[in-house]
Amino acid sequence: MSLTDEERDRLADVVRLQPTKNGELEAQWGLDSGSEVHGYLEDHLGDYYYRDDDSLIRATPEAAELTGVEPGVEGDEDGGDPTRIRVPTLQAQVFAVLAGPDERSQSVVSTLQDVRAEFEIDPEAEDVREALQALRRKNVVEVLYRTVPTFRRTVEHDAITVGESD
């Protein structure tokens, strides 16, 4: 199956962002709905992606080879915990300021304030929430439910390599 430039670029996004959801790809591709993303995947990239047991979108090994893009998550030799992730800049910044595995977990607002202070940027709270959820799906952040959902890293900073993908 020969891919157009647009299809190859979008497939590279799937490889880079995996595991991902329709909503992330919708935002990345500037589409209007998750249904539109699903239709595009089925019509154009059906041979190169699949949905895992949690219905998250993942690229096939062939897709990674075809695009030359490193997968969004790489595990250790045993397929266990991630050792490397490639994420958008905001996700990398959130990961950098987030409480560690032995520290008290942080709310979205607390994480937002830390990102603003550390990086002198002003993201929206919803963008930080989405970054935390995307990192959770990559198994490097966990959610703990107190009065509000709170988050913390599941690994120490030096246990994982974080590469920025944008």
C-alpha atoms as a PDB file:
ATOM      1  CA  MET A   1       0.000   0.000   0.000  1.00  0.00           C
ATOM      2  CA  SER A   2       1.549   3.294  -1.116  1.00  0.00           C
ATOM      3  CA  LEU A   3       0.909   6.278   1.151  1.00  0.00           C
ATOM      4  CA  THR A   4       0.498   9.921   0.200  1.00  0.00           C
ATOM      5  CA  ASP A   5       2.602  12.540   2.007  1.00  0.00           C
ATOM      6  CA  GLU A   6      -0.370  13.459   4.215  1.00  0.00           C
ATOM      7  CA  GLU A   7      -1.029   9.805   5.079  1.00  0.00           C
ATOM      8  CA  ARG A   8       2.645   9.254   5.917  1.00  0.00           C
ATOM      9  CA  ASP A   9       2.683  12.385   8.129  1.00  0.00           C
ATOM     10  CA  ARG A  10      -0.459  11.311   9.943  1.00  0.00           C
ATOM     11  CA  LEU A  11       0.858   7.788  10.374  1.00  0.00           C
ATOM     12  CA  ALA A  12       4.003   9.296  11.889  1.00  0.00           C
ATOM     13  CA  ASP A  13       1.740  11.110  14.373  1.00  0.00           C
ATOM     14  CA  VAL A  14       0.119   7.809  15.336  1.00  0.00           C
ATOM     15  CA  VAL A  15       3.539   6.215  15.892  1.00  0.00           C
ATOM     16  CA  ARG A  16       4.849   9.187  17.858  1.00  0.00           C
ATOM     17  CA  LEU A  17       1.768   9.702  20.033  1.00  0.00           C
ATOM     18  CA  GLN A  18       0.915   6.081  20.771  1.00  0.00           C
ATOM     19  CA  PRO A  19      -0.874   4.951  22.778  1.00  0.00           C
ATOM     20  CA  THR A  20      -3.346   7.646  21.832  1.00  0.00           C
ATOM     21  CA  LYS A  21      -7.033   8.378  21.492  1.00  0.00           C
ATOM     22  CA  ASN A  22      -9.235   9.828  18.772  1.00  0.00           C
ATOM     23  CA  GLY A  23      -9.350  13.166  20.630  1.00  0.00           C
ATOM     24  CA  GLU A  24      -5.568  13.608  20.580  1.00  0.00           C
ATOM     25  CA  LEU A  25      -5.395  12.844  16.880  1.00  0.00           C
ATOM     26  CA  GLU A  26      -8.383  15.116  16.237  1.00  0.00           C
ATOM     27  CA  ALA A  27      -6.488  18.017  17.830  1.00  0.00           C
ATOM     28  CA  GLN A  28      -3.225  17.101  16.085  1.00  0.00           C
ATOM     29  CA  TRP A  29      -4.818  16.852  12.664  1.00  0.00           C
ATOM     30  CA  GLY A  30      -7.296  19.714  13.003  1.00  0.00           C
ATOM     31  CA  LEU A  31     -10.322  17.515  12.416  1.00  0.00           C
ATOM     32  CA  ASP A  32     -13.827  18.202  13.713  1.00  0.00           C
ATOM     33  CA  SER A  33     -14.649  14.973  15.560  1.00  0.00           C
ATOM     34  CA  GLY A  34     -13.424  11.647  16.837  1.00  0.00           C
ATOM     35  CA  SER A  35     -15.646  10.025  14.234  1.00  0.00           C
ATOM     36  CA  GLU A  36     -13.733  11.837  11.520  1.00  0.00           C
ATOM     37  CA  VAL A  37     -10.467  10.506  12.987  1.00  0.00           C
ATOM     38  CA  HIS A  38     -11.861   6.977  13.091  1.00  0.00           C
ATOM     39  CA  GLY A  39     -12.996   7.220   9.483  1.00  0.00           C
ATOM     40  CA  TYR A  40      -9.611   8.514   8.355  1.00  0.00           C
ATOM     41  CA  LEU A  41      -7.773   5.750  10.193  1.00  0.00           C
ATOM     42  CA  GLU A  42     -10.003   3.073   8.712  1.00  0.00           C
ATOM     43  CA  ASP A  43     -10.005   4.481   5.164  1.00  0.00           C
ATOM     44  CA  HIS A  44      -6.348   5.485   4.901  1.00  0.00           C
ATOM     45  CA  LEU A  45      -4.246   3.756   7.572  1.00  0.00           C
ATOM     46  CA  GLY A  46      -6.122   0.538   8.277  1.00  0.00           C
ATOM     47  CA  ASP A  47      -3.085  -1.678   7.645  1.00  0.00           C
ATOM     48  CA  TYR A  48      -0.846   0.297  10.003  1.00  0.00           C
ATOM     49  CA  TYR A  49      -2.733   0.715  13.267  1.00  0.00           C
ATOM     50  CA  TYR A  50      -4.772  -1.262  15.763  1.00  0.00           C
ATOM     51  CA  ARG A  51      -6.649  -0.711  19.014  1.00  0.00           C
ATOM     52  CA  ASP A  52      -5.317  -2.366  22.135  1.00  0.00           C
ATOM     53  CA  ASP A  53      -7.375  -3.958  24.935  1.00  0.00           C
ATOM     54  CA  ASP A  54      -8.107  -0.483  26.333  1.00  0.00           C
ATOM     55  CA  SER A  55      -9.253   0.787  22.896  1.00  0.00           C
ATOM     56  CA  LEU A  56      -6.171   3.004  22.602  1.00  0.00           C
ATOM     57  CA  ILE A  57      -4.734   3.539  19.132  1.00  0.00           C
ATOM     58  CA  ARG A  58      -1.332   1.970  18.485  1.00  0.00           C
ATOM     59  CA  ALA A  59       0.818   1.718  15.373  1.00  0.00           C
ATOM     60  CA  THR A  60       2.049  -1.561  13.990  1.00  0.00           C
ATOM     61  CA  PRO A  61       5.797  -2.225  13.949  1.00  0.00           C
ATOM     62  CA  GLU A  62       5.616  -1.851  10.162  1.00  0.00           C
ATOM     63  CA  ALA A  63       4.245   1.693  10.613  1.00  0.00           C
ATOM     64  CA  ALA A  64       7.208   2.707  12.761  1.00  0.00           C
ATOM     65  CA  GLU A  65       9.609   1.240  10.216  1.00  0.00           C
ATOM     66  CA  LEU A  66       7.817   2.862   7.289  1.00  0.00           C
ATOM     67  CA  THR A  67       7.770   6.334   8.833  1.00  0.00           C
ATOM     68  CA  GLY A  68      11.192   6.194  10.489  1.00  0.00           C
ATOM     69  CA  VAL A  69       9.654   7.716  13.616  1.00  0.00           C
ATOM     70  CA  GLU A  70      10.488   6.398  17.066  1.00  0.00           C
ATOM     71  CA  PRO A  71       7.466   4.987  18.890  1.00  0.00           C
ATOM     72  CA  GLY A  72       5.948   7.176  21.569  1.00  0.00           C
ATOM     73  CA  VAL A  73       6.708   4.613  24.268  1.00  0.00           C
ATOM     74  CA  GLU A  74       9.611   2.186  24.446  1.00  0.00           C
ATOM     75  CA  GLY A  75       9.805  -0.406  27.220  1.00  0.00           C
ATOM     76  CA  ASP A  76      12.660  -2.303  28.743  1.00  0.00           C
ATOM     77  CA  GLU A  77      13.818  -5.608  27.290  1.00  0.00           C
ATOM     78  CA  ASP A  78      11.136  -7.490  29.231  1.00  0.00           C
ATOM     79  CA  GLY A  79       8.379  -5.275  27.853  1.00  0.00           C
ATOM     80  CA  GLY A  80       7.808  -3.838  31.321  1.00  0.00           C
ATOM     81  CA  ASP A  81       7.887  -0.234  32.446  1.00  0.00           C
ATOM     82  CA  PRO A  82       8.667   2.411  29.842  1.00  0.00           C
ATOM     83  CA  THR A  83      12.274   3.528  29.567  1.00  0.00           C
ATOM     84  CA  ARG A  84      11.729   6.181  26.898  1.00  0.00           C
ATOM     85  CA  ILE A  85       8.803   8.323  25.823  1.00  0.00           C
ATOM     86  CA  ARG A  86       8.430  10.879  23.030  1.00  0.00           C
ATOM     87  CA  VAL A  87       5.856  13.498  23.879  1.00  0.00           C
ATOM     88  CA  PRO A  88       4.853  17.028  22.890  1.00  0.00           C
ATOM     89  CA  THR A  89       6.648  19.858  24.701  1.00  0.00           C
ATOM     90  CA  LEU A  90       3.865  20.559  27.203  1.00  0.00           C
ATOM     91  CA  GLN A  91       3.751  16.910  28.258  1.00  0.00           C
ATOM     92  CA  ALA A  92       7.531  16.940  28.767  1.00  0.00           C
ATOM     93  CA  GLN A  93       7.220  20.089  30.877  1.00  0.00           C
ATOM     94  CA  VAL A  94       4.405  18.583  32.957  1.00  0.00           C
ATOM     95  CA  PHE A  95       6.437  15.421  33.501  1.00  0.00           C
ATOM     96  CA  ALA A  96       9.431  17.508  34.591  1.00  0.00           C
ATOM     97  CA  VAL A  97       7.562  19.362  37.353  1.00  0.00           C
ATOM     98  CA  LEU A  98       5.240  16.589  38.517  1.00  0.00           C
ATOM     99  CA  ALA A  99       5.696  15.000  41.953  1.00  0.00           C
ATOM    100  CA  GLY A 100       7.750  11.811  42.042  1.00  0.00           C
ATOM    101  CA  PRO A 101       6.542   8.332  42.973  1.00  0.00           C
ATOM    102  CA  ASP A 102       7.310   8.803  46.690  1.00  0.00           C
ATOM    103  CA  GLU A 103       5.941  12.351  46.914  1.00  0.00           C
ATOM    104  CA  ARG A 104       2.444  13.654  47.563  1.00  0.00           C
ATOM    105  CA  SER A 105       0.465  13.699  44.320  1.00  0.00           C
ATOM    106  CA  GLN A 106      -0.536  17.020  42.738  1.00  0.00           C
ATOM    107  CA  SER A 107      -3.798  18.409  41.430  1.00  0.00           C
ATOM    108  CA  VAL A 108      -4.121  19.762  37.910  1.00  0.00           C
ATOM    109  CA  VAL A 109      -4.073  23.324  39.286  1.00  0.00           C
ATOM    110  CA  SER A 110      -0.925  22.672  41.332  1.00  0.00           C
ATOM    111  CA  THR A 111       0.786  21.176  38.289  1.00  0.00           C
ATOM    112  CA  LEU A 112      -0.363  24.130  36.169  1.00  0.00           C
ATOM    113  CA  GLN A 113       1.168  26.570  38.678  1.00  0.00           C
ATOM    114  CA  ASP A 114       4.450  24.634  38.700  1.00  0.00           C
ATOM    115  CA  VAL A 115       4.614  24.605  34.891  1.00  0.00           C
ATOM    116  CA  ARG A 116       3.945  28.345  34.786  1.00  0.00           C
ATOM    117  CA  ALA A 117       6.638  29.036  37.396  1.00  0.00           C
ATOM    118  CA  GLU A 118       9.282  26.698  35.967  1.00  0.00           C
ATOM    119  CA  PHE A 119       8.888  27.393  32.256  1.00  0.00           C
ATOM    120  CA  GLU A 120       7.387  30.900  32.253  1.00  0.00           C
ATOM    121  CA  ILE A 121       4.542  29.872  29.970  1.00  0.00           C
ATOM    122  CA  ASP A 122       0.791  30.179  30.494  1.00  0.00           C
ATOM    123  CA  PRO A 123      -1.031  27.051  29.322  1.00  0.00           C
ATOM    124  CA  GLU A 124      -4.717  26.516  30.014  1.00  0.00           C
ATOM    125  CA  ALA A 125      -5.721  24.195  32.853  1.00  0.00           C
ATOM    126  CA  GLU A 126      -7.481  21.909  30.359  1.00  0.00           C
ATOM    127  CA  ASP A 127      -4.257  21.556  28.348  1.00  0.00           C
ATOM    128  CA  VAL A 128      -2.387  20.502  31.504  1.00  0.00           C
ATOM    129  CA  ARG A 129      -5.176  18.045  32.373  1.00  0.00           C
ATOM    130  CA  GLU A 130      -4.935  16.531  28.893  1.00  0.00           C
ATOM    131  CA  ALA A 131      -1.136  16.317  29.197  1.00  0.00           C
ATOM    132  CA  LEU A 132      -1.461  14.490  32.531  1.00  0.00           C
ATOM    133  CA  GLN A 133      -3.988  12.055  31.075  1.00  0.00           C
ATOM    134  CA  ALA A 134      -1.793  11.405  28.024  1.00  0.00           C
ATOM    135  CA  LEU A 135       1.170  10.677  30.325  1.00  0.00           C
ATOM    136  CA  ARG A 136      -1.058   8.385  32.377  1.00  0.00           C
ATOM    137  CA  ARG A 137      -1.882   6.392  29.249  1.00  0.00           C
ATOM    138  CA  LYS A 138       1.862   6.007  28.657  1.00  0.00           C
ATOM    139  CA  ASN A 139       2.153   4.458  32.142  1.00  0.00           C
ATOM    140  CA  VAL A 140       4.550   7.093  33.496  1.00  0.00           C
ATOM    141  CA  VAL A 141       1.968   8.963  35.589  1.00  0.00           C
ATOM    142  CA  GLU A 142      -0.655   7.597  37.929  1.00  0.00           C
ATOM    143  CA  VAL A 143      -3.855   9.162  39.181  1.00  0.00           C
ATOM    144  CA  LEU A 144      -4.804   9.109  42.854  1.00  0.00           C
ATOM    145  CA  TYR A 145      -8.296  10.151  43.863  1.00  0.00           C
ATOM    146  CA  ARG A 146      -8.555  12.435  46.875  1.00  0.00           C
ATOM    147  CA  THR A 147     -10.988  15.371  46.997  1.00  0.00           C
ATOM    148  CA  VAL A 148      -9.989  15.943  43.378  1.00  0.00           C
ATOM    149  CA  PRO A 149      -7.989  13.684  41.066  1.00  0.00           C
ATOM    150  CA  THR A 150      -4.268  14.110  41.710  1.00  0.00           C
ATOM    151  CA  PHE A 151      -1.258  12.889  39.778  1.00  0.00           C
ATOM    152  CA  ARG A 152       2.350  11.839  40.302  1.00  0.00           C
ATOM    153  CA  ARG A 153       5.058  10.143  38.289  1.00  0.00           C
ATOM    154  CA  THR A 154       5.322   6.375  38.524  1.00  0.00           C
ATOM    155  CA  VAL A 155       9.063   6.543  37.827  1.00  0.00           C
ATOM    156  CA  GLU A 156      11.983   8.706  38.904  1.00  0.00           C
ATOM    157  CA  HIS A 157      13.193  11.360  36.438  1.00  0.00           C
ATOM    158  CA  ASP A 158      16.433   9.510  35.739  1.00  0.00           C
ATOM    159  CA  ALA A 159      14.648   6.209  35.066  1.00  0.00           C
ATOM    160  CA  ILE A 160      13.156   7.419  31.800  1.00  0.00           C
ATOM    161  CA  THR A 161      14.321   9.418  28.811  1.00  0.00           C
ATOM    162  CA  VAL A 162      11.830  12.048  27.692  1.00  0.00           C
ATOM    163  CA  GLY A 163      12.146  13.243  24.108  1.00  0.00           C
ATOM    164  CA  GLU A 164      10.095  16.096  22.744  1.00  0.00           C
ATOM    165  CA  SER A 165       8.254  15.374  19.531  1.00  0.00           C
ATOM    166  CA  ASP A 166       7.298  18.864  18.422  1.00  0.00           C
END
